[in-house]
Amino acid sequence: MLKALFDDKKEAGIARELGISRHTVRTYMLRLHGKLRVNSRAALVTAILGQFLTAVVRRNSSLPPICARRAEGGCPFQQ
């Protein structure tokens, strides 16, 4: 669902792609808005990106680095 959100697909397109109802997509989106305390689609995308970047830069993260220079200590996203 997040990939479709980042691809700027509308609720109907997301529902069709995932084989679920538009109502289910809307419910999930509303829950994401609530959990991340945002009130627009743009703010939701920004909040998700922020959460992802925070998770990626943590040491011993299982997520792949977003910067090829991380191992050398040259990544600007390291804490």
C-alpha atoms as a PDB file:
ATOM      1  CA  MET A   1       0.000   0.000   0.000  1.00  0.00           C
ATOM      2  CA  LEU A   2       2.841   2.394   0.782  1.00  0.00           C
ATOM      3  CA  LYS A   3       4.480   1.781  -2.585  1.00  0.00           C
ATOM      4  CA  ALA A   4       1.215   2.637  -4.297  1.00  0.00           C
ATOM      5  CA  LEU A   5       0.924   5.735  -2.116  1.00  0.00           C
ATOM      6  CA  PHE A   6       4.412   6.816  -3.177  1.00  0.00           C
ATOM      7  CA  ASP A   7       3.467   6.097  -6.794  1.00  0.00           C
ATOM      8  CA  ASP A   8       0.617   8.632  -6.299  1.00  0.00           C
ATOM      9  CA  LYS A   9      -2.114   6.091  -6.947  1.00  0.00           C
ATOM     10  CA  LYS A  10      -5.614   6.933  -5.797  1.00  0.00           C
ATOM     11  CA  GLU A  11      -7.602   4.769  -3.387  1.00  0.00           C
ATOM     12  CA  ALA A  12      -9.458   2.993  -6.200  1.00  0.00           C
ATOM     13  CA  GLY A  13      -6.201   2.119  -7.972  1.00  0.00           C
ATOM     14  CA  ILE A  14      -4.607   0.873  -4.751  1.00  0.00           C
ATOM     15  CA  ALA A  15      -7.671  -1.249  -4.000  1.00  0.00           C
ATOM     16  CA  ARG A  16      -7.682  -2.728  -7.499  1.00  0.00           C
ATOM     17  CA  GLU A  17      -3.941  -3.458  -7.371  1.00  0.00           C
ATOM     18  CA  LEU A  18      -4.155  -5.169  -3.976  1.00  0.00           C
ATOM     19  CA  GLY A  19      -7.486  -6.898  -4.571  1.00  0.00           C
ATOM     20  CA  ILE A  20      -9.154  -5.239  -1.596  1.00  0.00           C
ATOM     21  CA  SER A  21     -12.048  -2.812  -1.272  1.00  0.00           C
ATOM     22  CA  ARG A  22     -11.718   0.973  -1.493  1.00  0.00           C
ATOM     23  CA  HIS A  23     -13.202   1.105   1.986  1.00  0.00           C
ATOM     24  CA  THR A  24     -10.344  -1.038   3.336  1.00  0.00           C
ATOM     25  CA  VAL A  25      -7.770   1.202   1.668  1.00  0.00           C
ATOM     26  CA  ARG A  26      -9.445   4.290   3.113  1.00  0.00           C
ATOM     27  CA  THR A  27      -9.519   2.735   6.591  1.00  0.00           C
ATOM     28  CA  TYR A  28      -5.805   1.892   6.423  1.00  0.00           C
ATOM     29  CA  MET A  29      -4.944   5.387   5.185  1.00  0.00           C
ATOM     30  CA  LEU A  30      -6.983   7.012   7.961  1.00  0.00           C
ATOM     31  CA  ARG A  31      -5.236   4.849  10.540  1.00  0.00           C
ATOM     32  CA  LEU A  32      -1.830   5.826   9.136  1.00  0.00           C
ATOM     33  CA  HIS A  33      -2.835   9.491   9.293  1.00  0.00           C
ATOM     34  CA  GLY A  34      -3.848   9.034  12.926  1.00  0.00           C
ATOM     35  CA  LYS A  35      -0.767   7.107  13.992  1.00  0.00           C
ATOM     36  CA  LEU A  36       1.605   9.565  12.346  1.00  0.00           C
ATOM     37  CA  ARG A  37      -0.525  12.566  13.399  1.00  0.00           C
ATOM     38  CA  VAL A  38      -0.820  14.113   9.957  1.00  0.00           C
ATOM     39  CA  ASN A  39      -3.787  15.521   8.066  1.00  0.00           C
ATOM     40  CA  SER A  40      -2.791  15.399   4.408  1.00  0.00           C
ATOM     41  CA  ARG A  41      -1.390  12.950   1.900  1.00  0.00           C
ATOM     42  CA  ALA A  42       1.762  15.051   1.452  1.00  0.00           C
ATOM     43  CA  ALA A  43       2.338  15.159   5.214  1.00  0.00           C
ATOM     44  CA  LEU A  44       1.803  11.388   5.367  1.00  0.00           C
ATOM     45  CA  VAL A  45       4.451  10.761   2.699  1.00  0.00           C
ATOM     46  CA  THR A  46       6.865  13.140   4.450  1.00  0.00           C
ATOM     47  CA  ALA A  47       6.296  11.451   7.820  1.00  0.00           C
ATOM     48  CA  ILE A  48       6.820   7.976   6.346  1.00  0.00           C
ATOM     49  CA  LEU A  49      10.056   9.093   4.691  1.00  0.00           C
ATOM     50  CA  GLY A  50      11.228  10.606   7.968  1.00  0.00           C
ATOM     51  CA  GLN A  51      10.504   7.372   9.837  1.00  0.00           C
ATOM     52  CA  PHE A  52      12.320   5.357   7.174  1.00  0.00           C
ATOM     53  CA  LEU A  53      15.382   7.610   7.217  1.00  0.00           C
ATOM     54  CA  THR A  54      15.519   7.444  11.002  1.00  0.00           C
ATOM     55  CA  ALA A  55      15.396   3.627  10.882  1.00  0.00           C
ATOM     56  CA  VAL A  56      18.018   3.360   8.133  1.00  0.00           C
ATOM     57  CA  VAL A  57      20.644   5.511   9.822  1.00  0.00           C
ATOM     58  CA  ARG A  58      20.542   3.597  13.101  1.00  0.00           C
ATOM     59  CA  ARG A  59      23.581   1.479  13.711  1.00  0.00           C
ATOM     60  CA  ASN A  60      22.987  -2.269  13.312  1.00  0.00           C
ATOM     61  CA  SER A  61      19.856  -1.597  11.252  1.00  0.00           C
ATOM     62  CA  SER A  62      18.692  -4.525   9.153  1.00  0.00           C
ATOM     63  CA  LEU A  63      17.593  -2.073   6.455  1.00  0.00           C
ATOM     64  CA  PRO A  64      19.992  -1.501   3.571  1.00  0.00           C
ATOM     65  CA  PRO A  65      21.889   1.787   3.734  1.00  0.00           C
ATOM     66  CA  ILE A  66      20.584   4.645   1.617  1.00  0.00           C
ATOM     67  CA  CYS A  67      24.100   5.910   1.056  1.00  0.00           C
ATOM     68  CA  ALA A  68      26.806   3.898  -0.674  1.00  0.00           C
ATOM     69  CA  ARG A  69      29.455   5.655   1.434  1.00  0.00           C
ATOM     70  CA  ARG A  70      27.981   4.566   4.774  1.00  0.00           C
ATOM     71  CA  ALA A  71      30.583   1.855   5.399  1.00  0.00           C
ATOM     72  CA  GLU A  72      33.390   4.397   4.907  1.00  0.00           C
ATOM     73  CA  GLY A  73      31.776   6.830   7.330  1.00  0.00           C
ATOM     74  CA  GLY A  74      31.135   9.317   4.540  1.00  0.00           C
ATOM     75  CA  CYS A  75      27.353   9.214   4.506  1.00  0.00           C
ATOM     76  CA  PRO A  76      25.723  12.517   5.449  1.00  0.00           C
ATOM     77  CA  PHE A  77      22.728  10.653   6.880  1.00  0.00           C
ATOM     78  CA  GLN A  78      24.649   8.957   9.694  1.00  0.00           C
ATOM     79  CA  GLN A  79      23.973   9.996  13.260  1.00  0.00           C
END
